Amino acid sequence: QVQVVESGGGSVQAGGSLSLLCVASGTTFSFLDMGWYRQGPGKERDLVATITSGGSTNYADSVKGRFTISRDNAKNTVYLQMSSLKPEDTSVYYCNMAPGGRAWAGGYWGQGSQVTVSS
């Protein structure tokens, strides 16, 4: 299975921008479909952006047009660029596999990265 370490994030005012970075190890990263997920206070973890091994992307309606997912296979890294942030984007953000663009159902998750957006 893949191991991941998320970083970036932080606190920002509404309308601001932040970037997240996820470094993966443990398997052949370039073969993997990857995704960014988030879990807000008292909420379930949701898949917000995916990128296939071929580079095709997809986004949840709530972040479409504001978030951009990308990857660098040479660095085993997937990125999430977030702009026009809203208070409702406040969550812990995780990266993990997203096979076929679907949410990962496995048990392993990294520590996540906190994003806090104030109004």
C-alpha atoms as a PDB file:
ATOM      1  CA  GLN A   1       0.000   0.000   0.000  1.00  0.00           C
ATOM      2  CA  VAL A   2       1.026   3.610  -0.422  1.00  0.00           C
ATOM      3  CA  GLN A   3       2.234   5.724   2.474  1.00  0.00           C
ATOM      4  CA  VAL A   4       1.604   9.467   2.300  1.00  0.00           C
ATOM      5  CA  VAL A   5       2.819  12.581   4.083  1.00  0.00           C
ATOM      6  CA  GLU A   6       0.735  15.735   3.664  1.00  0.00           C
ATOM      7  CA  SER A   7       2.078  19.229   4.257  1.00  0.00           C
ATOM      8  CA  GLY A   8       1.190  22.828   3.597  1.00  0.00           C
ATOM      9  CA  GLY A   9      -2.109  24.286   4.669  1.00  0.00           C
ATOM     10  CA  GLY A  10      -2.461  26.737   7.527  1.00  0.00           C
ATOM     11  CA  SER A  11      -4.766  29.650   8.281  1.00  0.00           C
ATOM     12  CA  VAL A  12      -6.009  32.242   5.811  1.00  0.00           C
ATOM     13  CA  GLN A  13      -8.794  34.760   5.466  1.00  0.00           C
ATOM     14  CA  ALA A  14     -11.701  34.151   3.135  1.00  0.00           C
ATOM     15  CA  GLY A  15     -10.731  34.819  -0.454  1.00  0.00           C
ATOM     16  CA  GLY A  16      -7.142  33.799   0.124  1.00  0.00           C
ATOM     17  CA  SER A  17      -5.076  30.953  -1.293  1.00  0.00           C
ATOM     18  CA  LEU A  18      -3.179  27.988   0.096  1.00  0.00           C
ATOM     19  CA  SER A  19      -1.308  25.022  -1.322  1.00  0.00           C
ATOM     20  CA  LEU A  20      -1.058  21.461  -0.111  1.00  0.00           C
ATOM     21  CA  LEU A  21       1.577  18.901  -0.970  1.00  0.00           C
ATOM     22  CA  CYS A  22       1.533  15.143  -0.572  1.00  0.00           C
ATOM     23  CA  VAL A  23       4.571  12.912  -0.957  1.00  0.00           C
ATOM     24  CA  ALA A  24       3.837   9.233  -1.517  1.00  0.00           C
ATOM     25  CA  SER A  25       6.004   6.168  -1.076  1.00  0.00           C
ATOM     26  CA  GLY A  26       5.727   2.405  -0.920  1.00  0.00           C
ATOM     27  CA  THR A  27       4.584   1.626  -4.430  1.00  0.00           C
ATOM     28  CA  THR A  28       4.882   2.781  -8.030  1.00  0.00           C
ATOM     29  CA  PHE A  29       3.347   6.211  -7.728  1.00  0.00           C
ATOM     30  CA  SER A  30       2.986   6.877 -11.451  1.00  0.00           C
ATOM     31  CA  PHE A  31       0.519   3.979 -11.780  1.00  0.00           C
ATOM     32  CA  LEU A  32      -1.811   5.338  -9.113  1.00  0.00           C
ATOM     33  CA  ASP A  33      -4.964   7.408  -9.380  1.00  0.00           C
ATOM     34  CA  MET A  34      -4.718   9.875  -6.496  1.00  0.00           C
ATOM     35  CA  GLY A  35      -7.122  12.143  -4.680  1.00  0.00           C
ATOM     36  CA  TRP A  36      -7.433  14.863  -2.096  1.00  0.00           C
ATOM     37  CA  TYR A  37     -10.033  14.395   0.597  1.00  0.00           C
ATOM     38  CA  ARG A  38     -11.243  16.607   3.424  1.00  0.00           C
ATOM     39  CA  GLN A  39     -13.015  16.139   6.719  1.00  0.00           C
ATOM     40  CA  GLY A  40     -14.634  19.090   8.405  1.00  0.00           C
ATOM     41  CA  PRO A  41     -15.567  19.240  12.088  1.00  0.00           C
ATOM     42  CA  GLY A  42     -18.275  16.708  12.807  1.00  0.00           C
ATOM     43  CA  LYS A  43     -18.445  15.622   9.172  1.00  0.00           C
ATOM     44  CA  GLU A  44     -17.488  12.573   7.159  1.00  0.00           C
ATOM     45  CA  ARG A  45     -14.409  12.543   4.965  1.00  0.00           C
ATOM     46  CA  ASP A  46     -15.249  13.583   1.387  1.00  0.00           C
ATOM     47  CA  LEU A  47     -13.340  13.257  -1.854  1.00  0.00           C
ATOM     48  CA  VAL A  48     -12.829  16.719  -3.363  1.00  0.00           C
ATOM     49  CA  ALA A  49     -10.370  16.243  -6.246  1.00  0.00           C
ATOM     50  CA  THR A  50      -8.889  13.371  -8.200  1.00  0.00           C
ATOM     51  CA  ILE A  51      -6.129  12.927 -10.744  1.00  0.00           C
ATOM     52  CA  THR A  52      -5.637   9.747 -12.711  1.00  0.00           C
ATOM     53  CA  SER A  53      -2.321   8.147 -13.549  1.00  0.00           C
ATOM     54  CA  GLY A  54      -2.726   9.737 -16.977  1.00  0.00           C
ATOM     55  CA  GLY A  55      -3.313  13.207 -15.553  1.00  0.00           C
ATOM     56  CA  SER A  56      -7.071  13.568 -15.997  1.00  0.00           C
ATOM     57  CA  THR A  57      -8.698  15.547 -13.208  1.00  0.00           C
ATOM     58  CA  ASN A  58     -12.103  15.745 -11.605  1.00  0.00           C
ATOM     59  CA  TYR A  59     -13.525  17.929  -8.836  1.00  0.00           C
ATOM     60  CA  ALA A  60     -16.411  18.009  -6.432  1.00  0.00           C
ATOM     61  CA  ASP A  61     -18.913  20.715  -7.305  1.00  0.00           C
ATOM     62  CA  SER A  62     -18.098  22.541  -4.079  1.00  0.00           C
ATOM     63  CA  VAL A  63     -14.500  23.229  -5.152  1.00  0.00           C
ATOM     64  CA  LYS A  64     -14.764  23.279  -8.940  1.00  0.00           C
ATOM     65  CA  GLY A  65     -13.145  26.372 -10.416  1.00  0.00           C
ATOM     66  CA  ARG A  66     -11.321  27.165  -7.163  1.00  0.00           C
ATOM     67  CA  PHE A  67      -9.088  24.143  -6.529  1.00  0.00           C
ATOM     68  CA  THR A  68      -6.503  22.608  -8.855  1.00  0.00           C
ATOM     69  CA  ILE A  69      -4.992  19.160  -8.402  1.00  0.00           C
ATOM     70  CA  SER A  70      -1.736  18.246 -10.125  1.00  0.00           C
ATOM     71  CA  ARG A  71       1.030  15.697  -9.839  1.00  0.00           C
ATOM     72  CA  ASP A  72       4.749  15.276 -10.432  1.00  0.00           C
ATOM     73  CA  ASN A  73       5.520  11.598 -10.921  1.00  0.00           C
ATOM     74  CA  ALA A  74       9.266  12.208 -10.802  1.00  0.00           C
ATOM     75  CA  LYS A  75       8.834  13.481  -7.244  1.00  0.00           C
ATOM     76  CA  ASN A  76       6.092  11.047  -6.179  1.00  0.00           C
ATOM     77  CA  THR A  77       4.076  14.141  -5.285  1.00  0.00           C
ATOM     78  CA  VAL A  78       0.516  15.322  -5.700  1.00  0.00           C
ATOM     79  CA  TYR A  79      -0.467  18.953  -5.132  1.00  0.00           C
ATOM     80  CA  LEU A  80      -3.656  20.837  -4.347  1.00  0.00           C
ATOM     81  CA  GLN A  81      -3.733  24.528  -5.139  1.00  0.00           C
ATOM     82  CA  MET A  82      -6.672  26.218  -3.400  1.00  0.00           C
ATOM     83  CA  SER A  83      -7.885  29.725  -4.186  1.00  0.00           C
ATOM     84  CA  SER A  84     -10.922  31.868  -3.363  1.00  0.00           C
ATOM     85  CA  LEU A  85     -11.119  29.975  -0.104  1.00  0.00           C
ATOM     86  CA  LYS A  86     -14.314  30.067   1.921  1.00  0.00           C
ATOM     87  CA  PRO A  87     -14.930  29.413   5.629  1.00  0.00           C
ATOM     88  CA  GLU A  88     -16.714  26.194   4.666  1.00  0.00           C
ATOM     89  CA  ASP A  89     -13.425  24.912   3.198  1.00  0.00           C
ATOM     90  CA  THR A  90     -12.101  24.653   6.757  1.00  0.00           C
ATOM     91  CA  SER A  91     -11.153  20.993   7.179  1.00  0.00           C
ATOM     92  CA  VAL A  92      -8.346  18.543   7.659  1.00  0.00           C
ATOM     93  CA  TYR A  93      -7.147  17.649   4.171  1.00  0.00           C
ATOM     94  CA  TYR A  94      -5.807  14.184   3.326  1.00  0.00           C
ATOM     95  CA  CYS A  95      -4.388  12.632   0.206  1.00  0.00           C
ATOM     96  CA  ASN A  96      -4.704   8.997  -0.700  1.00  0.00           C
ATOM     97  CA  MET A  97      -5.348   6.706  -3.584  1.00  0.00           C
ATOM     98  CA  ALA A  98      -8.568   7.209  -5.540  1.00  0.00           C
ATOM     99  CA  PRO A  99      -8.815   4.145  -7.770  1.00  0.00           C
ATOM    100  CA  GLY A 100     -10.921   4.848 -10.820  1.00  0.00           C
ATOM    101  CA  GLY A 101     -11.751   8.255  -9.398  1.00  0.00           C
ATOM    102  CA  ARG A 102     -13.580   6.710  -6.459  1.00  0.00           C
ATOM    103  CA  ALA A 103     -12.982   7.269  -2.774  1.00  0.00           C
ATOM    104  CA  TRP A 104     -10.402   5.068  -1.121  1.00  0.00           C
ATOM    105  CA  ALA A 105     -12.025   2.599   1.270  1.00  0.00           C
ATOM    106  CA  GLY A 106      -8.855   1.263   2.851  1.00  0.00           C
ATOM    107  CA  GLY A 107      -7.795   1.725   6.425  1.00  0.00           C
ATOM    108  CA  TYR A 108      -4.531   3.629   6.012  1.00  0.00           C
ATOM    109  CA  TRP A 109      -4.569   7.416   6.127  1.00  0.00           C
ATOM    110  CA  GLY A 110      -1.841   9.949   6.704  1.00  0.00           C
ATOM    111  CA  GLN A 111      -1.924  12.578   9.412  1.00  0.00           C
ATOM    112  CA  GLY A 112      -3.598  15.152   7.186  1.00  0.00           C
ATOM    113  CA  SER A 113      -3.046  18.882   6.983  1.00  0.00           C
ATOM    114  CA  GLN A 114      -5.271  21.452   8.668  1.00  0.00           C
ATOM    115  CA  VAL A 115      -6.732  24.274   6.592  1.00  0.00           C
ATOM    116  CA  THR A 116      -8.578  27.024   8.447  1.00  0.00           C
ATOM    117  CA  VAL A 117     -10.395  29.805   6.614  1.00  0.00           C
ATOM    118  CA  SER A 118     -11.699  32.722   8.648  1.00  0.00           C
ATOM    119  CA  SER A 119     -14.416  35.107   7.549  1.00  0.00           C
END
